[in-house]
Amino acid sequence: MKSIIFSGFGGQGIQFASRQLALAGMYANKKVTWMPAYGAESRGGTSNCTVIIADSDIGSPVVANPDIAFVMSTPAYKKFAPRVAPGGIVLANSSIISESEKIGRSDITEYYIPATDLAFDNDLPGLANLIMIGRLLKITGLFTPDDVAASLREDIAESRSALIELNIKALNIGFTHK
């Protein structure tokens, strides 16, 4: 079982990214919970979501100490990185979160990816979330980029189908970034 907290500001695609990972789990016949939470503001307010992916039944969607914190903002980092379970992972958007803000825990592994910068450098503004998902896949091996690409193809509305390949491009940039 893997529990992941996704967090950042509204408008960073936290809910969308977490849903894609949950859908990839469903398509892989895993047990999945997806529990979004966000403030009244849609842009700029806080946004987080807990995703649990397991091979067996999940007792509760509530997670006090997630295995992985996927954080896109400094407030999200400060709130959720300290809660990660020993042996867990923090994946941080270093375009926004400075490595100098590390919480200094030796019992977790922290990865920093300049997701927002990579998105802009590749003409993919607004897709830092999928770059982060790609990196999460590379680090954890939870799913392949093709698994998440399949969820994107199923989830993105036909009226927005032009965005599918851009999302997949962002996903692959995150997966191959060193």
C-alpha atoms as a PDB file:
ATOM      1  CA  MET A   1       0.000   0.000   0.000  1.00  0.00           C
ATOM      2  CA  LYS A   2       1.198   3.522  -0.838  1.00  0.00           C
ATOM      3  CA  SER A   3      -0.333   6.656   0.607  1.00  0.00           C
ATOM      4  CA  ILE A   4       0.413   9.972  -1.051  1.00  0.00           C
ATOM      5  CA  ILE A   5      -0.520  13.500  -0.036  1.00  0.00           C
ATOM      6  CA  PHE A   6      -0.609  15.959  -2.933  1.00  0.00           C
ATOM      7  CA  SER A   7      -0.516  19.589  -1.864  1.00  0.00           C
ATOM      8  CA  GLY A   8      -0.030  23.113  -3.144  1.00  0.00           C
ATOM      9  CA  PHE A   9      -2.069  26.131  -4.120  1.00  0.00           C
ATOM     10  CA  GLY A  10      -5.303  26.099  -6.063  1.00  0.00           C
ATOM     11  CA  GLY A  11      -4.511  26.491  -9.756  1.00  0.00           C
ATOM     12  CA  GLN A  12      -1.400  24.273  -9.660  1.00  0.00           C
ATOM     13  CA  GLY A  13      -3.336  21.216 -10.793  1.00  0.00           C
ATOM     14  CA  ILE A  14      -3.121  19.325  -7.500  1.00  0.00           C
ATOM     15  CA  GLN A  15      -6.570  17.773  -7.859  1.00  0.00           C
ATOM     16  CA  PHE A  16      -6.013  16.903 -11.525  1.00  0.00           C
ATOM     17  CA  ALA A  17      -2.614  15.271 -10.906  1.00  0.00           C
ATOM     18  CA  SER A  18      -3.856  13.263  -7.943  1.00  0.00           C
ATOM     19  CA  ARG A  19      -6.889  12.096  -9.920  1.00  0.00           C
ATOM     20  CA  GLN A  20      -4.657  10.866 -12.760  1.00  0.00           C
ATOM     21  CA  LEU A  21      -2.625   8.751 -10.364  1.00  0.00           C
ATOM     22  CA  ALA A  22      -5.792   7.379  -8.753  1.00  0.00           C
ATOM     23  CA  LEU A  23      -7.265   6.572 -12.178  1.00  0.00           C
ATOM     24  CA  ALA A  24      -4.051   4.808 -13.227  1.00  0.00           C
ATOM     25  CA  GLY A  25      -4.440   2.690 -10.099  1.00  0.00           C
ATOM     26  CA  MET A  26      -8.041   1.879 -10.957  1.00  0.00           C
ATOM     27  CA  TYR A  27      -7.103   0.889 -14.507  1.00  0.00           C
ATOM     28  CA  ALA A  28      -4.398  -1.374 -13.037  1.00  0.00           C
ATOM     29  CA  ASN A  29      -7.094  -3.082 -10.928  1.00  0.00           C
ATOM     30  CA  LYS A  30      -5.715  -1.725  -7.657  1.00  0.00           C
ATOM     31  CA  LYS A  31      -7.790  -0.643  -4.681  1.00  0.00           C
ATOM     32  CA  VAL A  32      -7.810   3.168  -4.629  1.00  0.00           C
ATOM     33  CA  THR A  33      -9.064   6.035  -2.519  1.00  0.00           C
ATOM     34  CA  TRP A  34      -9.018   9.665  -3.678  1.00  0.00           C
ATOM     35  CA  MET A  35      -9.900  12.260  -1.052  1.00  0.00           C
ATOM     36  CA  PRO A  36      -9.638  15.888  -2.241  1.00  0.00           C
ATOM     37  CA  ALA A  37      -9.659  18.902   0.077  1.00  0.00           C
ATOM     38  CA  TYR A  38      -9.436  22.563  -0.853  1.00  0.00           C
ATOM     39  CA  GLY A  39     -10.361  25.990   0.374  1.00  0.00           C
ATOM     40  CA  ALA A  40     -13.251  28.082  -0.872  1.00  0.00           C
ATOM     41  CA  GLU A  41     -10.967  29.827  -3.337  1.00  0.00           C
ATOM     42  CA  SER A  42     -10.248  27.880  -6.501  1.00  0.00           C
ATOM     43  CA  ARG A  43      -7.040  29.730  -7.380  1.00  0.00           C
ATOM     44  CA  GLY A  44      -4.477  30.714  -4.810  1.00  0.00           C
ATOM     45  CA  GLY A  45      -6.129  28.934  -1.873  1.00  0.00           C
ATOM     46  CA  THR A  46      -4.824  25.748  -0.350  1.00  0.00           C
ATOM     47  CA  SER A  47      -5.390  22.498  -2.169  1.00  0.00           C
ATOM     48  CA  ASN A  48      -4.508  18.980  -1.151  1.00  0.00           C
ATOM     49  CA  CYS A  49      -5.592  15.460  -1.850  1.00  0.00           C
ATOM     50  CA  THR A  50      -4.822  12.090  -0.320  1.00  0.00           C
ATOM     51  CA  VAL A  51      -4.484   9.091  -2.627  1.00  0.00           C
ATOM     52  CA  ILE A  52      -4.044   5.541  -1.401  1.00  0.00           C
ATOM     53  CA  ILE A  53      -3.180   2.749  -3.817  1.00  0.00           C
ATOM     54  CA  ALA A  54      -3.202  -0.826  -2.565  1.00  0.00           C
ATOM     55  CA  ASP A  55      -3.524  -4.450  -3.605  1.00  0.00           C
ATOM     56  CA  SER A  56      -6.011  -5.187  -0.814  1.00  0.00           C
ATOM     57  CA  ASP A  57      -8.938  -3.382   0.793  1.00  0.00           C
ATOM     58  CA  ILE A  58      -8.248   0.055   2.253  1.00  0.00           C
ATOM     59  CA  GLY A  59      -9.597   0.535   5.762  1.00  0.00           C
ATOM     60  CA  SER A  60      -9.769   4.328   5.732  1.00  0.00           C
ATOM     61  CA  PRO A  61      -9.002   7.153   3.302  1.00  0.00           C
ATOM     62  CA  VAL A  62      -7.542   9.208   6.170  1.00  0.00           C
ATOM     63  CA  VAL A  63      -3.739   9.195   6.439  1.00  0.00           C
ATOM     64  CA  ALA A  64      -1.868  10.894   9.263  1.00  0.00           C
ATOM     65  CA  ASN A  65       1.621   9.942   8.042  1.00  0.00           C
ATOM     66  CA  PRO A  66       1.752   9.432   4.282  1.00  0.00           C
ATOM     67  CA  ASP A  67       4.440   7.426   2.547  1.00  0.00           C
ATOM     68  CA  ILE A  68       4.929  10.227   0.025  1.00  0.00           C
ATOM     69  CA  ALA A  69       4.425  13.994   0.117  1.00  0.00           C
ATOM     70  CA  PHE A  70       4.036  15.550  -3.357  1.00  0.00           C
ATOM     71  CA  VAL A  71       4.407  19.265  -2.604  1.00  0.00           C
ATOM     72  CA  MET A  72       4.149  22.173  -5.019  1.00  0.00           C
ATOM     73  CA  SER A  73       4.432  25.169  -2.636  1.00  0.00           C
ATOM     74  CA  THR A  74       6.415  26.230   0.415  1.00  0.00           C
ATOM     75  CA  PRO A  75       3.381  26.203   2.754  1.00  0.00           C
ATOM     76  CA  ALA A  76       2.538  22.684   1.517  1.00  0.00           C
ATOM     77  CA  TYR A  77       6.115  21.580   2.146  1.00  0.00           C
ATOM     78  CA  LYS A  78       6.152  23.014   5.655  1.00  0.00           C
ATOM     79  CA  LYS A  79       2.841  21.388   6.502  1.00  0.00           C
ATOM     80  CA  PHE A  80       3.226  17.925   4.983  1.00  0.00           C
ATOM     81  CA  ALA A  81       6.964  17.065   4.753  1.00  0.00           C
ATOM     82  CA  PRO A  82       7.246  16.707   8.557  1.00  0.00           C
ATOM     83  CA  ARG A  83       4.327  14.248   8.529  1.00  0.00           C
ATOM     84  CA  VAL A  84       5.888  11.778   6.079  1.00  0.00           C
ATOM     85  CA  ALA A  85       6.334   8.307   7.567  1.00  0.00           C
ATOM     86  CA  PRO A  86       9.890   7.139   8.316  1.00  0.00           C
ATOM     87  CA  GLY A  87      11.376   5.669   5.150  1.00  0.00           C
ATOM     88  CA  GLY A  88       9.074   7.877   3.087  1.00  0.00           C
ATOM     89  CA  ILE A  89       9.632  10.303   0.248  1.00  0.00           C
ATOM     90  CA  VAL A  90       9.166  14.024  -0.242  1.00  0.00           C
ATOM     91  CA  LEU A  91       8.918  15.174  -3.862  1.00  0.00           C
ATOM     92  CA  ALA A  92       9.207  18.960  -3.981  1.00  0.00           C
ATOM     93  CA  ASN A  93       8.871  21.523  -6.776  1.00  0.00           C
ATOM     94  CA  SER A  94      12.245  23.254  -6.416  1.00  0.00           C
ATOM     95  CA  SER A  95      11.169  26.078  -8.730  1.00  0.00           C
ATOM     96  CA  ILE A  96       9.164  27.288  -5.742  1.00  0.00           C
ATOM     97  CA  ILE A  97      10.523  25.392  -2.718  1.00  0.00           C
ATOM     98  CA  SER A  98      14.156  26.031  -1.869  1.00  0.00           C
ATOM     99  CA  GLU A  99      16.338  23.099  -0.867  1.00  0.00           C
ATOM    100  CA  SER A 100      17.573  25.355   1.940  1.00  0.00           C
ATOM    101  CA  GLU A 101      14.156  24.823   3.564  1.00  0.00           C
ATOM    102  CA  LYS A 102      14.782  21.104   4.054  1.00  0.00           C
ATOM    103  CA  ILE A 103      13.356  19.870   7.310  1.00  0.00           C
ATOM    104  CA  GLY A 104      16.527  17.929   8.006  1.00  0.00           C
ATOM    105  CA  ARG A 105      15.101  14.465   8.598  1.00  0.00           C
ATOM    106  CA  SER A 106      17.542  11.649   7.979  1.00  0.00           C
ATOM    107  CA  ASP A 107      14.781   9.011   7.925  1.00  0.00           C
ATOM    108  CA  ILE A 108      13.162  10.206   4.665  1.00  0.00           C
ATOM    109  CA  THR A 109      14.419  10.842   1.142  1.00  0.00           C
ATOM    110  CA  GLU A 110      13.793  14.209  -0.466  1.00  0.00           C
ATOM    111  CA  TYR A 111      13.777  14.796  -4.218  1.00  0.00           C
ATOM    112  CA  TYR A 112      13.743  18.254  -5.744  1.00  0.00           C
ATOM    113  CA  ILE A 113      12.632  18.802  -9.313  1.00  0.00           C
ATOM    114  CA  PRO A 114      12.376  22.255 -10.929  1.00  0.00           C
ATOM    115  CA  ALA A 115       8.930  21.409 -12.297  1.00  0.00           C
ATOM    116  CA  THR A 116       7.651  24.937 -12.919  1.00  0.00           C
ATOM    117  CA  ASP A 117      10.904  25.940 -14.647  1.00  0.00           C
ATOM    118  CA  LEU A 118      10.859  22.787 -16.782  1.00  0.00           C
ATOM    119  CA  ALA A 119       7.253  23.477 -17.752  1.00  0.00           C
ATOM    120  CA  PHE A 120       8.066  27.004 -18.931  1.00  0.00           C
ATOM    121  CA  ASP A 121      11.319  25.930 -20.637  1.00  0.00           C
ATOM    122  CA  ASN A 122       9.339  23.385 -22.674  1.00  0.00           C
ATOM    123  CA  ASP A 123       6.397  25.669 -23.540  1.00  0.00           C
ATOM    124  CA  LEU A 124       4.143  23.767 -21.140  1.00  0.00           C
ATOM    125  CA  PRO A 125       3.010  26.458 -18.710  1.00  0.00           C
ATOM    126  CA  GLY A 126       0.596  25.084 -16.162  1.00  0.00           C
ATOM    127  CA  LEU A 127       1.853  21.511 -16.507  1.00  0.00           C
ATOM    128  CA  ALA A 128       4.387  21.389 -13.679  1.00  0.00           C
ATOM    129  CA  ASN A 129       1.958  19.010 -11.966  1.00  0.00           C
ATOM    130  CA  LEU A 130       2.371  16.379 -14.703  1.00  0.00           C
ATOM    131  CA  ILE A 131       6.144  16.863 -14.701  1.00  0.00           C
ATOM    132  CA  MET A 132       6.033  16.077 -10.981  1.00  0.00           C
ATOM    133  CA  ILE A 133       3.851  13.003 -11.620  1.00  0.00           C
ATOM    134  CA  GLY A 134       6.409  11.769 -14.158  1.00  0.00           C
ATOM    135  CA  ARG A 135       9.190  12.120 -11.599  1.00  0.00           C
ATOM    136  CA  LEU A 136       7.064  10.374  -8.964  1.00  0.00           C
ATOM    137  CA  LEU A 137       6.619   7.427 -11.346  1.00  0.00           C
ATOM    138  CA  LYS A 138      10.368   7.254 -11.985  1.00  0.00           C
ATOM    139  CA  ILE A 139      11.217   7.337  -8.276  1.00  0.00           C
ATOM    140  CA  THR A 140       8.565   4.896  -7.054  1.00  0.00           C
ATOM    141  CA  GLY A 141       7.847   2.598  -9.997  1.00  0.00           C
ATOM    142  CA  LEU A 142       4.158   2.708  -8.994  1.00  0.00           C
ATOM    143  CA  PHE A 143       3.081   2.854 -12.641  1.00  0.00           C
ATOM    144  CA  THR A 144       4.594   3.547 -16.041  1.00  0.00           C
ATOM    145  CA  PRO A 145       4.101   6.798 -17.936  1.00  0.00           C
ATOM    146  CA  ASP A 146       1.971   4.773 -20.381  1.00  0.00           C
ATOM    147  CA  ASP A 147      -0.372   3.825 -17.523  1.00  0.00           C
ATOM    148  CA  VAL A 148      -0.909   7.494 -16.621  1.00  0.00           C
ATOM    149  CA  ALA A 149      -1.135   8.472 -20.304  1.00  0.00           C
ATOM    150  CA  ALA A 150      -4.032   6.019 -20.587  1.00  0.00           C
ATOM    151  CA  SER A 151      -5.785   7.714 -17.662  1.00  0.00           C
ATOM    152  CA  LEU A 152      -5.240  11.108 -19.303  1.00  0.00           C
ATOM    153  CA  ARG A 153      -6.783   9.869 -22.548  1.00  0.00           C
ATOM    154  CA  GLU A 154      -9.824   8.591 -20.646  1.00  0.00           C
ATOM    155  CA  ASP A 155     -10.223  11.554 -18.288  1.00  0.00           C
ATOM    156  CA  ILE A 156      -9.665  14.631 -20.449  1.00  0.00           C
ATOM    157  CA  ALA A 157     -12.866  15.756 -22.135  1.00  0.00           C
ATOM    158  CA  GLU A 158     -13.085  15.479 -25.910  1.00  0.00           C
ATOM    159  CA  SER A 159     -13.516  19.254 -26.121  1.00  0.00           C
ATOM    160  CA  ARG A 160     -10.034  19.577 -24.567  1.00  0.00           C
ATOM    161  CA  SER A 161      -8.385  16.693 -26.417  1.00  0.00           C
ATOM    162  CA  ALA A 162      -5.616  18.962 -27.735  1.00  0.00           C
ATOM    163  CA  LEU A 163      -4.277  19.021 -24.175  1.00  0.00           C
ATOM    164  CA  ILE A 164      -3.750  15.261 -23.981  1.00  0.00           C
ATOM    165  CA  GLU A 165      -0.450  15.168 -25.862  1.00  0.00           C
ATOM    166  CA  LEU A 166       0.839  18.230 -23.975  1.00  0.00           C
ATOM    167  CA  ASN A 167       0.094  16.491 -20.673  1.00  0.00           C
ATOM    168  CA  ILE A 168       1.825  13.332 -21.877  1.00  0.00           C
ATOM    169  CA  LYS A 169       4.843  15.376 -22.993  1.00  0.00           C
ATOM    170  CA  ALA A 170       5.051  16.942 -19.514  1.00  0.00           C
ATOM    171  CA  LEU A 171       4.710  13.518 -17.889  1.00  0.00           C
ATOM    172  CA  ASN A 172       7.604  12.164 -19.960  1.00  0.00           C
ATOM    173  CA  ILE A 173       9.805  15.194 -19.194  1.00  0.00           C
ATOM    174  CA  GLY A 174       9.389  14.503 -15.494  1.00  0.00           C
ATOM    175  CA  PHE A 175      10.048  10.808 -15.967  1.00  0.00           C
ATOM    176  CA  THR A 176      13.308  11.368 -17.879  1.00  0.00           C
ATOM    177  CA  HIS A 177      14.605  14.409 -15.923  1.00  0.00           C
ATOM    178  CA  LYS A 178      17.777  13.721 -13.935  1.00  0.00           C
END
